[in-house]
C-alpha atoms as a PDB file:
ATOM      1  CA  MET A   1      17.488  -5.415  -6.069  1.00  0.00           C
ATOM      2  CA  SER A   2      18.335  -6.616  -2.519  1.00  0.00           C
ATOM      3  CA  GLN A   3      16.127  -9.162  -0.750  1.00  0.00           C
ATOM      4  CA  LEU A   4      13.562  -8.246   1.809  1.00  0.00           C
ATOM      5  CA  ARG A   5      13.951  -9.616   5.311  1.00  0.00           C
ATOM      6  CA  ILE A   6      11.302  -9.368   7.988  1.00  0.00           C
ATOM      7  CA  THR A   7      11.935 -10.269  11.536  1.00  0.00           C
ATOM      8  CA  ALA A   8       9.406 -10.219  14.329  1.00  0.00           C
ATOM      9  CA  ARG A   9       9.608  -9.578  18.057  1.00  0.00           C
ATOM     10  CA  ASP A  10       7.078  -8.886  20.748  1.00  0.00           C
ATOM     11  CA  ALA A  11       6.963  -5.630  22.723  1.00  0.00           C
ATOM     12  CA  VAL A  12       4.738  -4.695  25.606  1.00  0.00           C
ATOM     13  CA  THR A  13       2.551  -2.819  23.210  1.00  0.00           C
ATOM     14  CA  GLY A  14       2.288  -5.608  20.631  1.00  0.00           C
ATOM     15  CA  PRO A  15       4.202  -7.092  17.728  1.00  0.00           C
ATOM     16  CA  VAL A  16       7.154  -5.300  16.082  1.00  0.00           C
ATOM     17  CA  LEU A  17       8.115  -6.205  12.523  1.00  0.00           C
ATOM     18  CA  GLU A  18      11.590  -5.115  11.452  1.00  0.00           C
ATOM     19  CA  ILE A  19      11.717  -4.576   7.723  1.00  0.00           C
ATOM     20  CA  ILE A  20      15.157  -4.818   6.231  1.00  0.00           C
ATOM     21  CA  GLY A  21      16.149  -4.363   2.602  1.00  0.00           C
ATOM     22  CA  GLU A  22      13.900  -3.271  -0.250  1.00  0.00           C
ATOM     23  CA  LEU A  23      10.150  -3.054   0.248  1.00  0.00           C
ATOM     24  CA  ALA A  24       9.527  -3.036  -3.488  1.00  0.00           C
ATOM     25  CA  TYR A  25       8.092  -5.109  -6.256  1.00  0.00           C
ATOM     26  CA  PRO A  26       8.341  -8.116  -6.264  1.00  0.00           C
ATOM     27  CA  HIS A  27       9.052  -8.554  -2.517  1.00  0.00           C
ATOM     28  CA  ALA A  28       6.383  -6.207  -1.034  1.00  0.00           C
ATOM     29  CA  ALA A  29       3.780  -8.963  -0.916  1.00  0.00           C
ATOM     30  CA  GLU A  30       6.006 -10.776   1.641  1.00  0.00           C
ATOM     31  CA  LEU A  31       5.012  -8.045   4.186  1.00  0.00           C
ATOM     32  CA  THR A  32       1.352  -8.584   3.617  1.00  0.00           C
ATOM     33  CA  ASP A  33       1.779 -12.347   3.861  1.00  0.00           C
ATOM     34  CA  ARG A  34       3.666 -11.921   7.106  1.00  0.00           C
ATOM     35  CA  LEU A  35       0.940  -9.621   8.431  1.00  0.00           C
ATOM     36  CA  LEU A  36      -1.691 -12.322   7.809  1.00  0.00           C
ATOM     37  CA  THR A  37       0.195 -14.669  10.186  1.00  0.00           C
ATOM     38  CA  THR A  38       0.833 -12.012  12.824  1.00  0.00           C
ATOM     39  CA  THR A  39      -1.337 -12.215  15.884  1.00  0.00           C
ATOM     40  CA  LEU A  40      -2.757  -8.783  16.657  1.00  0.00           C
ATOM     41  CA  ARG A  41      -5.314  -8.248  19.444  1.00  0.00           C
ATOM     42  CA  PRO A  42      -7.651  -5.265  19.946  1.00  0.00           C
ATOM     43  CA  GLY A  43      -5.872  -2.424  21.724  1.00  0.00           C
ATOM     44  CA  GLN A  44      -2.375  -3.507  20.680  1.00  0.00           C
ATOM     45  CA  ARG A  45      -0.003  -1.519  18.475  1.00  0.00           C
ATOM     46  CA  LEU A  46       1.690  -3.022  15.485  1.00  0.00           C
ATOM     47  CA  VAL A  47       5.035  -1.381  14.944  1.00  0.00           C
ATOM     48  CA  LEU A  48       6.783  -1.472  11.571  1.00  0.00           C
ATOM     49  CA  ASP A  49      10.421  -0.740  12.233  1.00  0.00           C
ATOM     50  CA  LEU A  50      11.900   0.618   9.016  1.00  0.00           C
ATOM     51  CA  ALA A  51      15.418   1.384  10.294  1.00  0.00           C
ATOM     52  CA  GLY A  52      16.888  -1.189   7.898  1.00  0.00           C
ATOM     53  CA  LEU A  53      14.766  -0.130   4.908  1.00  0.00           C
ATOM     54  CA  ASP A  54      16.944   0.602   1.891  1.00  0.00           C
ATOM     55  CA  PHE A  55      14.230   1.434  -0.648  1.00  0.00           C
ATOM     56  CA  CYS A  56      10.458   1.601  -0.872  1.00  0.00           C
ATOM     57  CA  ASP A  57       8.425   1.860  -4.119  1.00  0.00           C
ATOM     58  CA  SER A  58       4.681   2.115  -4.747  1.00  0.00           C
ATOM     59  CA  SER A  59       4.312  -1.576  -4.069  1.00  0.00           C
ATOM     60  CA  GLY A  60       5.933  -1.023  -0.644  1.00  0.00           C
ATOM     61  CA  ILE A  61       3.682   1.917   0.108  1.00  0.00           C
ATOM     62  CA  SER A  62       0.668  -0.367  -0.732  1.00  0.00           C
ATOM     63  CA  ALA A  63       1.975  -2.964   1.631  1.00  0.00           C
ATOM     64  CA  LEU A  64       2.245  -0.256   4.438  1.00  0.00           C
ATOM     65  CA  ILE A  65      -1.378   0.729   3.774  1.00  0.00           C
ATOM     66  CA  ALA A  66      -2.360  -2.973   3.882  1.00  0.00           C
ATOM     67  CA  ALA A  67      -0.652  -3.183   7.304  1.00  0.00           C
ATOM     68  CA  ARG A  68      -2.712  -0.246   8.521  1.00  0.00           C
ATOM     69  CA  ASN A  69      -5.918  -1.752   7.234  1.00  0.00           C
ATOM     70  CA  LEU A  70      -5.252  -5.141   8.816  1.00  0.00           C
ATOM     71  CA  ALA A  71      -4.334  -3.450  12.141  1.00  0.00           C
ATOM     72  CA  HIS A  72      -7.573  -1.392  12.072  1.00  0.00           C
ATOM     73  CA  ALA A  73      -9.610  -4.531  11.227  1.00  0.00           C
ATOM     74  CA  ALA A  74      -8.189  -6.098  14.333  1.00  0.00           C
ATOM     75  CA  ARG A  75      -9.119  -2.909  16.305  1.00  0.00           C
ATOM     76  CA  ALA A  76      -5.441  -2.267  16.845  1.00  0.00           C
ATOM     77  CA  ASP A  77      -3.133   0.664  16.122  1.00  0.00           C
ATOM     78  CA  VAL A  78      -0.175   0.825  13.735  1.00  0.00           C
ATOM     79  CA  ALA A  79       2.971   2.935  13.925  1.00  0.00           C
ATOM     80  CA  LEU A  80       6.013   3.409  11.773  1.00  0.00           C
ATOM     81  CA  ALA A  81       9.402   3.663  13.430  1.00  0.00           C
ATOM     82  CA  ALA A  82      12.768   4.965  12.106  1.00  0.00           C
ATOM     83  CA  VAL A  83      11.349   5.900   8.692  1.00  0.00           C
ATOM     84  CA  PRO A  84      14.281   6.704   6.398  1.00  0.00           C
ATOM     85  CA  ALA A  85      14.214  10.282   5.050  1.00  0.00           C
ATOM     86  CA  HIS A  86      13.579   9.258   1.453  1.00  0.00           C
ATOM     87  CA  THR A  87      10.562   7.177   2.452  1.00  0.00           C
ATOM     88  CA  LEU A  88       9.241   9.828   4.906  1.00  0.00           C
ATOM     89  CA  ARG A  89       9.359  12.323   2.031  1.00  0.00           C
ATOM     90  CA  ILE A  90       7.126  10.046  -0.020  1.00  0.00           C
ATOM     91  CA  LEU A  91       4.725   9.536   2.823  1.00  0.00           C
ATOM     92  CA  ARG A  92       4.452  13.382   3.256  1.00  0.00           C
ATOM     93  CA  VAL A  93       3.975  14.010  -0.444  1.00  0.00           C
ATOM     94  CA  VAL A  94       1.062  11.631  -0.635  1.00  0.00           C
ATOM     95  CA  GLY A  95      -0.377  12.602   2.804  1.00  0.00           C
ATOM     96  CA  LEU A  96       0.175   9.244   4.440  1.00  0.00           C
ATOM     97  CA  ASP A  97       2.085  10.950   7.263  1.00  0.00           C
ATOM     98  CA  GLN A  98      -1.377  12.063   8.417  1.00  0.00           C
ATOM     99  CA  ILE A  99      -2.727   8.471   8.862  1.00  0.00           C
ATOM    100  CA  PHE A 100       0.408   6.797  10.262  1.00  0.00           C
ATOM    101  CA  ALA A 101       1.901   7.571  13.656  1.00  0.00           C
ATOM    102  CA  VAL A 102       5.583   8.090  12.936  1.00  0.00           C
ATOM    103  CA  HIS A 103       8.211   7.644  15.657  1.00  0.00           C
ATOM    104  CA  PRO A 104      11.993   8.245  15.573  1.00  0.00           C
ATOM    105  CA  ASP A 105      12.750   4.670  16.606  1.00  0.00           C
ATOM    106  CA  SER A 106      11.145   1.478  17.747  1.00  0.00           C
ATOM    107  CA  ASP A 107      11.769   2.235  21.430  1.00  0.00           C
ATOM    108  CA  ALA A 108       9.611   5.366  21.129  1.00  0.00           C
ATOM    109  CA  ALA A 109       6.984   3.490  19.135  1.00  0.00           C
ATOM    110  CA  THR A 110       6.678   0.775  21.729  1.00  0.00           C
ATOM    111  CA  ARG A 111       6.248   2.906  24.763  1.00  0.00           C
ATOM    112  CA  PRO A 112       2.828   2.357  26.382  1.00  0.00           C
END
């Protein structure tokens, strides 16, 4: 299993977290931990850029849901960018494509 790497950058709409590697047990909690230290203000949009995501299991899906919950608690939005086909299929099967805004890339997700 490859390591998970999370890099952060700021966009005009809010923070962007680039998730690279495998968002799976035992590393998925790293995303939740990173979110707890990410400053998110009301009205901003948290973008999770999944372009570098190799694999996502149920722990990873739970971490994405935690990101959504944390964003909403901060009165902010959340969006997923560049979701790989295999992960998008899972999101569609379980209905999570209905609660996440999904964009083709981080440029589209960070447009005001």
